[in-house]
Amino acid sequence: MNTANTLPSELAADRFARRVTARLTSGTDDLPYDISERLRAARMQALAKRKVVVPVRRAAPAVMHSGSTAVLGGGNERGGWWSALVSAVPVMALLVGLVVINAAQDEQGNNEVAEVDAALLTDELPPAAYSDPGFVQFLKTTHTSN
């Protein structure tokens, strides 16, 4: 086995398989000949299937078309810090956009409050008149009589 290209999970699975094989082999001494031969044949079949090499799939560094959709290929999975930085740029742009939108909405709300305050202060009535319940009733009656 080439340990340079194997993953730790593959190494652990291989160690587990070797332990199970050793345990099963130690228990075959007491079995009859026909059962031990069937077990040996099954073991040979399992080993023949295990030796099948599965090709490593890698993403293509290109744009692939599938009908009316386009799929981006990633290329090398281990791009390092540069690919992490490039993938973080859209997230940062989104966050900056949200902050700008929030600031613009806050300023718009402040401008609306300032316009209402300016209208109250430049009006002929004092601001206390607007909180008077009698004035509210006066506005309702004059509005309906006009």
C-alpha atoms as a PDB file:
ATOM      1  CA  MET A   1       0.000   0.000   0.000  1.00  0.00           C
ATOM      2  CA  ASN A   2       1.324   3.434  -0.904  1.00  0.00           C
ATOM      3  CA  THR A   3       1.071   5.441   2.338  1.00  0.00           C
ATOM      4  CA  ALA A   4       1.954   8.748   0.669  1.00  0.00           C
ATOM      5  CA  ASN A   5      -1.410   8.983  -1.128  1.00  0.00           C
ATOM      6  CA  THR A   6      -3.698   7.348   1.468  1.00  0.00           C
ATOM      7  CA  LEU A   7      -5.985   9.079   3.893  1.00  0.00           C
ATOM      8  CA  PRO A   8      -5.925   8.425   7.658  1.00  0.00           C
ATOM      9  CA  SER A   9      -9.408   6.882   7.451  1.00  0.00           C
ATOM     10  CA  GLU A  10      -8.155   4.396   4.840  1.00  0.00           C
ATOM     11  CA  LEU A  11      -5.236   3.467   7.081  1.00  0.00           C
ATOM     12  CA  ALA A  12      -7.571   2.927  10.038  1.00  0.00           C
ATOM     13  CA  ALA A  13      -9.900   0.796   7.899  1.00  0.00           C
ATOM     14  CA  ASP A  14      -6.939  -1.264   6.699  1.00  0.00           C
ATOM     15  CA  ARG A  15      -5.733  -1.844  10.296  1.00  0.00           C
ATOM     16  CA  PHE A  16      -9.250  -2.877  11.355  1.00  0.00           C
ATOM     17  CA  ALA A  17      -9.513  -5.296   8.419  1.00  0.00           C
ATOM     18  CA  ARG A  18      -6.187  -6.893   9.346  1.00  0.00           C
ATOM     19  CA  ARG A  19      -7.305  -7.388  12.971  1.00  0.00           C
ATOM     20  CA  VAL A  20     -10.602  -8.956  11.888  1.00  0.00           C
ATOM     21  CA  THR A  21      -8.783 -11.224   9.426  1.00  0.00           C
ATOM     22  CA  ALA A  22      -6.338 -12.385  12.105  1.00  0.00           C
ATOM     23  CA  ARG A  23      -9.193 -13.105  14.518  1.00  0.00           C
ATOM     24  CA  LEU A  24     -11.166 -15.055  11.900  1.00  0.00           C
ATOM     25  CA  THR A  25      -8.087 -16.995  10.798  1.00  0.00           C
ATOM     26  CA  SER A  26      -7.294 -18.056  14.360  1.00  0.00           C
ATOM     27  CA  GLY A  27     -10.765 -19.595  14.724  1.00  0.00           C
ATOM     28  CA  THR A  28     -10.610 -21.739  11.558  1.00  0.00           C
ATOM     29  CA  ASP A  29      -8.319 -24.417  13.017  1.00  0.00           C
ATOM     30  CA  ASP A  30     -11.210 -26.315  14.596  1.00  0.00           C
ATOM     31  CA  LEU A  31     -13.534 -26.213  11.546  1.00  0.00           C
ATOM     32  CA  PRO A  32     -14.133 -29.136   9.176  1.00  0.00           C
ATOM     33  CA  TYR A  33     -12.285 -29.186   5.840  1.00  0.00           C
ATOM     34  CA  ASP A  34     -15.273 -28.338   3.602  1.00  0.00           C
ATOM     35  CA  ILE A  35     -16.211 -25.239   5.668  1.00  0.00           C
ATOM     36  CA  SER A  36     -12.629 -24.014   5.808  1.00  0.00           C
ATOM     37  CA  GLU A  37     -12.339 -24.397   2.012  1.00  0.00           C
ATOM     38  CA  ARG A  38     -15.523 -22.369   1.480  1.00  0.00           C
ATOM     39  CA  LEU A  39     -14.180 -19.688   3.806  1.00  0.00           C
ATOM     40  CA  ARG A  40     -10.854 -19.655   1.934  1.00  0.00           C
ATOM     41  CA  ALA A  41     -12.678 -19.276  -1.406  1.00  0.00           C
ATOM     42  CA  ALA A  42     -14.823 -16.453  -0.030  1.00  0.00           C
ATOM     43  CA  ARG A  43     -11.707 -14.743   1.337  1.00  0.00           C
ATOM     44  CA  MET A  44     -10.008 -14.981  -2.074  1.00  0.00           C
ATOM     45  CA  GLN A  45     -13.066 -13.474  -3.755  1.00  0.00           C
ATOM     46  CA  ALA A  46     -13.137 -10.621  -1.243  1.00  0.00           C
ATOM     47  CA  LEU A  47      -9.443  -9.917  -1.809  1.00  0.00           C
ATOM     48  CA  ALA A  48      -9.929  -9.944  -5.585  1.00  0.00           C
ATOM     49  CA  LYS A  49     -12.717  -7.357  -5.269  1.00  0.00           C
ATOM     50  CA  ARG A  50     -10.674  -5.235  -2.873  1.00  0.00           C
ATOM     51  CA  LYS A  51      -7.798  -4.923  -5.323  1.00  0.00           C
ATOM     52  CA  VAL A  52      -9.996  -3.050  -7.804  1.00  0.00           C
ATOM     53  CA  VAL A  53      -8.468   0.422  -8.083  1.00  0.00           C
ATOM     54  CA  VAL A  54     -10.978   3.246  -7.903  1.00  0.00           C
ATOM     55  CA  PRO A  55      -9.820   6.261  -9.929  1.00  0.00           C
ATOM     56  CA  VAL A  56      -9.544   9.511  -8.011  1.00  0.00           C
ATOM     57  CA  ARG A  57     -12.017  12.057  -9.293  1.00  0.00           C
ATOM     58  CA  ARG A  58     -10.965  15.649  -9.515  1.00  0.00           C
ATOM     59  CA  ALA A  59     -13.010  18.689 -10.459  1.00  0.00           C
ATOM     60  CA  ALA A  60     -12.340  20.112 -13.886  1.00  0.00           C
ATOM     61  CA  PRO A  61     -11.034  23.695 -13.894  1.00  0.00           C
ATOM     62  CA  ALA A  62     -13.529  24.838 -16.508  1.00  0.00           C
ATOM     63  CA  VAL A  63     -17.129  25.798 -17.136  1.00  0.00           C
ATOM     64  CA  MET A  64     -19.189  22.787 -18.123  1.00  0.00           C
ATOM     65  CA  HIS A  65     -22.569  23.011 -19.791  1.00  0.00           C
ATOM     66  CA  SER A  66     -25.413  20.711 -18.854  1.00  0.00           C
ATOM     67  CA  GLY A  67     -28.433  21.588 -20.941  1.00  0.00           C
ATOM     68  CA  SER A  68     -29.310  25.203 -20.230  1.00  0.00           C
ATOM     69  CA  THR A  69     -27.219  25.407 -17.039  1.00  0.00           C
ATOM     70  CA  ALA A  70     -23.533  26.047 -16.528  1.00  0.00           C
ATOM     71  CA  VAL A  71     -21.494  24.403 -13.783  1.00  0.00           C
ATOM     72  CA  LEU A  72     -18.208  25.812 -12.564  1.00  0.00           C
ATOM     73  CA  GLY A  73     -15.370  23.371 -12.011  1.00  0.00           C
ATOM     74  CA  GLY A  74     -13.116  23.944  -9.030  1.00  0.00           C
ATOM     75  CA  GLY A  75      -9.772  22.649 -10.230  1.00  0.00           C
ATOM     76  CA  ASN A  76      -7.356  21.862  -7.423  1.00  0.00           C
ATOM     77  CA  GLU A  77      -9.119  21.257  -4.097  1.00  0.00           C
ATOM     78  CA  ARG A  78      -6.085  22.352  -2.118  1.00  0.00           C
ATOM     79  CA  GLY A  79      -5.762  25.952  -3.245  1.00  0.00           C
ATOM     80  CA  GLY A  80      -4.422  27.138   0.086  1.00  0.00           C
ATOM     81  CA  TRP A  81      -4.962  30.588   1.525  1.00  0.00           C
ATOM     82  CA  TRP A  82      -5.441  32.207  -1.881  1.00  0.00           C
ATOM     83  CA  SER A  83      -8.599  30.227  -2.684  1.00  0.00           C
ATOM     84  CA  ALA A  84      -9.912  30.875   0.833  1.00  0.00           C
ATOM     85  CA  LEU A  85      -9.343  34.597   0.337  1.00  0.00           C
ATOM     86  CA  VAL A  86     -11.024  34.601  -3.059  1.00  0.00           C
ATOM     87  CA  SER A  87     -14.027  32.708  -1.712  1.00  0.00           C
ATOM     88  CA  ALA A  88     -14.324  35.157   1.215  1.00  0.00           C
ATOM     89  CA  VAL A  89     -14.505  38.226  -1.063  1.00  0.00           C
ATOM     90  CA  PRO A  90     -18.213  37.786  -2.000  1.00  0.00           C
ATOM     91  CA  VAL A  91     -19.129  37.323   1.661  1.00  0.00           C
ATOM     92  CA  MET A  92     -17.259  40.487   2.592  1.00  0.00           C
ATOM     93  CA  ALA A  93     -18.951  42.384  -0.252  1.00  0.00           C
ATOM     94  CA  LEU A  94     -22.334  41.222   1.026  1.00  0.00           C
ATOM     95  CA  LEU A  95     -21.531  42.350   4.572  1.00  0.00           C
ATOM     96  CA  VAL A  96     -20.308  45.768   3.385  1.00  0.00           C
ATOM     97  CA  GLY A  97     -23.483  46.154   1.315  1.00  0.00           C
ATOM     98  CA  LEU A  98     -25.674  45.318   4.305  1.00  0.00           C
ATOM     99  CA  VAL A  99     -23.852  47.859   6.478  1.00  0.00           C
ATOM    100  CA  VAL A 100     -24.244  50.566   3.804  1.00  0.00           C
ATOM    101  CA  ILE A 101     -27.963  49.799   3.392  1.00  0.00           C
ATOM    102  CA  ASN A 102     -28.459  49.918   7.167  1.00  0.00           C
ATOM    103  CA  ALA A 103     -26.672  53.283   7.425  1.00  0.00           C
ATOM    104  CA  ALA A 104     -28.727  54.715   4.545  1.00  0.00           C
ATOM    105  CA  GLN A 105     -31.995  53.591   6.134  1.00  0.00           C
ATOM    106  CA  ASP A 106     -30.985  55.049   9.504  1.00  0.00           C
ATOM    107  CA  GLU A 107     -30.166  58.371   7.879  1.00  0.00           C
ATOM    108  CA  GLN A 108     -33.461  58.365   5.972  1.00  0.00           C
ATOM    109  CA  GLY A 109     -35.369  57.749   9.216  1.00  0.00           C
ATOM    110  CA  ASN A 110     -33.474  60.557  10.942  1.00  0.00           C
ATOM    111  CA  ASN A 111     -34.278  62.922   8.051  1.00  0.00           C
ATOM    112  CA  GLU A 112     -37.992  62.099   8.290  1.00  0.00           C
ATOM    113  CA  VAL A 113     -38.003  62.777  12.053  1.00  0.00           C
ATOM    114  CA  ALA A 114     -36.136  66.059  11.446  1.00  0.00           C
ATOM    115  CA  GLU A 115     -38.741  67.131   8.850  1.00  0.00           C
ATOM    116  CA  VAL A 116     -41.581  66.437  11.304  1.00  0.00           C
ATOM    117  CA  ASP A 117     -39.749  68.351  14.041  1.00  0.00           C
ATOM    118  CA  ALA A 118     -39.134  71.296  11.707  1.00  0.00           C
ATOM    119  CA  ALA A 119     -42.796  71.342  10.668  1.00  0.00           C
ATOM    120  CA  LEU A 120     -43.905  71.319  14.307  1.00  0.00           C
ATOM    121  CA  LEU A 121     -41.514  74.101  15.279  1.00  0.00           C
ATOM    122  CA  THR A 122     -42.347  76.363  12.331  1.00  0.00           C
ATOM    123  CA  ASP A 123     -46.095  75.904  12.658  1.00  0.00           C
ATOM    124  CA  GLU A 124     -48.315  78.589  14.218  1.00  0.00           C
ATOM    125  CA  LEU A 125     -49.459  76.234  16.961  1.00  0.00           C
ATOM    126  CA  PRO A 126     -47.253  75.372  19.928  1.00  0.00           C
ATOM    127  CA  PRO A 127     -46.117  71.716  20.112  1.00  0.00           C
ATOM    128  CA  ALA A 128     -48.073  71.223  23.347  1.00  0.00           C
ATOM    129  CA  ALA A 129     -51.323  71.735  21.423  1.00  0.00           C
ATOM    130  CA  TYR A 130     -50.812  68.493  19.507  1.00  0.00           C
ATOM    131  CA  SER A 131     -50.830  66.453  22.750  1.00  0.00           C
ATOM    132  CA  ASP A 132     -53.977  68.160  24.092  1.00  0.00           C
ATOM    133  CA  PRO A 133     -57.022  65.806  23.847  1.00  0.00           C
ATOM    134  CA  GLY A 134     -59.330  68.768  23.245  1.00  0.00           C
ATOM    135  CA  PHE A 135     -57.261  69.857  20.246  1.00  0.00           C
ATOM    136  CA  VAL A 136     -57.515  66.366  18.753  1.00  0.00           C
ATOM    137  CA  GLN A 137     -61.296  66.542  19.153  1.00  0.00           C
ATOM    138  CA  PHE A 138     -61.269  70.017  17.584  1.00  0.00           C
ATOM    139  CA  LEU A 139     -59.359  68.675  14.580  1.00  0.00           C
ATOM    140  CA  LYS A 140     -61.821  65.816  14.163  1.00  0.00           C
ATOM    141  CA  THR A 141     -64.873  68.107  14.274  1.00  0.00           C
ATOM    142  CA  THR A 142     -63.428  70.748  11.939  1.00  0.00           C
ATOM    143  CA  HIS A 143     -62.283  68.080   9.524  1.00  0.00           C
ATOM    144  CA  THR A 144     -65.778  66.547   9.288  1.00  0.00           C
ATOM    145  CA  SER A 145     -67.572  69.913   9.027  1.00  0.00           C
ATOM    146  CA  ASN A 146     -65.498  71.061   6.018  1.00  0.00           C
END
